[in-house]
Structure formats: C-alpha cells, structure tokens
Amino acid sequence: QVTLAESGGGLVQPGDSLRLSCAVSGRLASESEVAWFRQAPGGKRAFVAAVDESGDNTYYSDSIEGRFTISRDNAKSTVYLHMNNLQPEDTAVYFCAADPNLTLTKTMTAPHFDYWGQGTQVTVSS
C-alpha cells in the first residue's frame, strides 16, 4: 500500500548538517502521514518528527531541541529531514514510516505506523 525508501545518510562531523530523503510511493502514499524514527545501537526505535499528508502540520520529539526540520514535497512524493548541529548522540539508523488516517502527536510510537523503509545510517564522529 505504501513503499518508503530512505537516502542521504552518511558519516559527518559534530556540528555538521545533513538532509535525509524519504521517497514515498504506493496507492495510499498521498493520504498517509509520514514520520522519521531513529534507532541507535542497542536502543529502541524512537520518534523524531512527523508531518501530515498536506505537509502543513509538523510534530517533533522534545529530544530534537529545534535542530531538525521535517518537510514534505508532495509534487516529488518525498519527505525530508533536515538535521543541523549534529552530535555524536544523533548517531543511529534513521527510518521513515507511514500510515494513513493517523492523528499525529509529538509522542508517536513505532506501533502507530504500518509501513517502514529499510533505514539509512547516520554516523556523527570526529
């Protein structure tokens, strides 16, 4: 119903910026809310940010502290995560997730979403 493909991860230094992309396709893509989660080694998959189907409403985890911005370009069927001032604790595999007909909040959890990408690794190290 929804297929997701992340790209844009890599190795960066502390203080650098990075933009992740999530290509969203499938029959339910245009009516799905999309979120970014991240999972550090040995950790749980944690909510980062979400955007509604229109792209007009966004939600962020408090842990991001204003450093990340989620955006959506429906003409390109892509959701972005702009990450600024990256720190070593941001090192994780970043996943995008989607689900139609969700009521988004800033405390979303992984079970809310039925569709997932394969993830992209972000490593922040000097």
Foldseek 3Di string as FASTA:
>chain_A
DKAKAKDWADEAAAQAKTKMKIAIDDDCLLQKKKFKWWAAVPGDTGTAKIAGSVQPDIAGAVVLVPQWDWGDDVVRNMIMIIGGRDDQVVWTWMKMFIDGPDDDYNHDDDVVGDYIYPTDTHGYHD
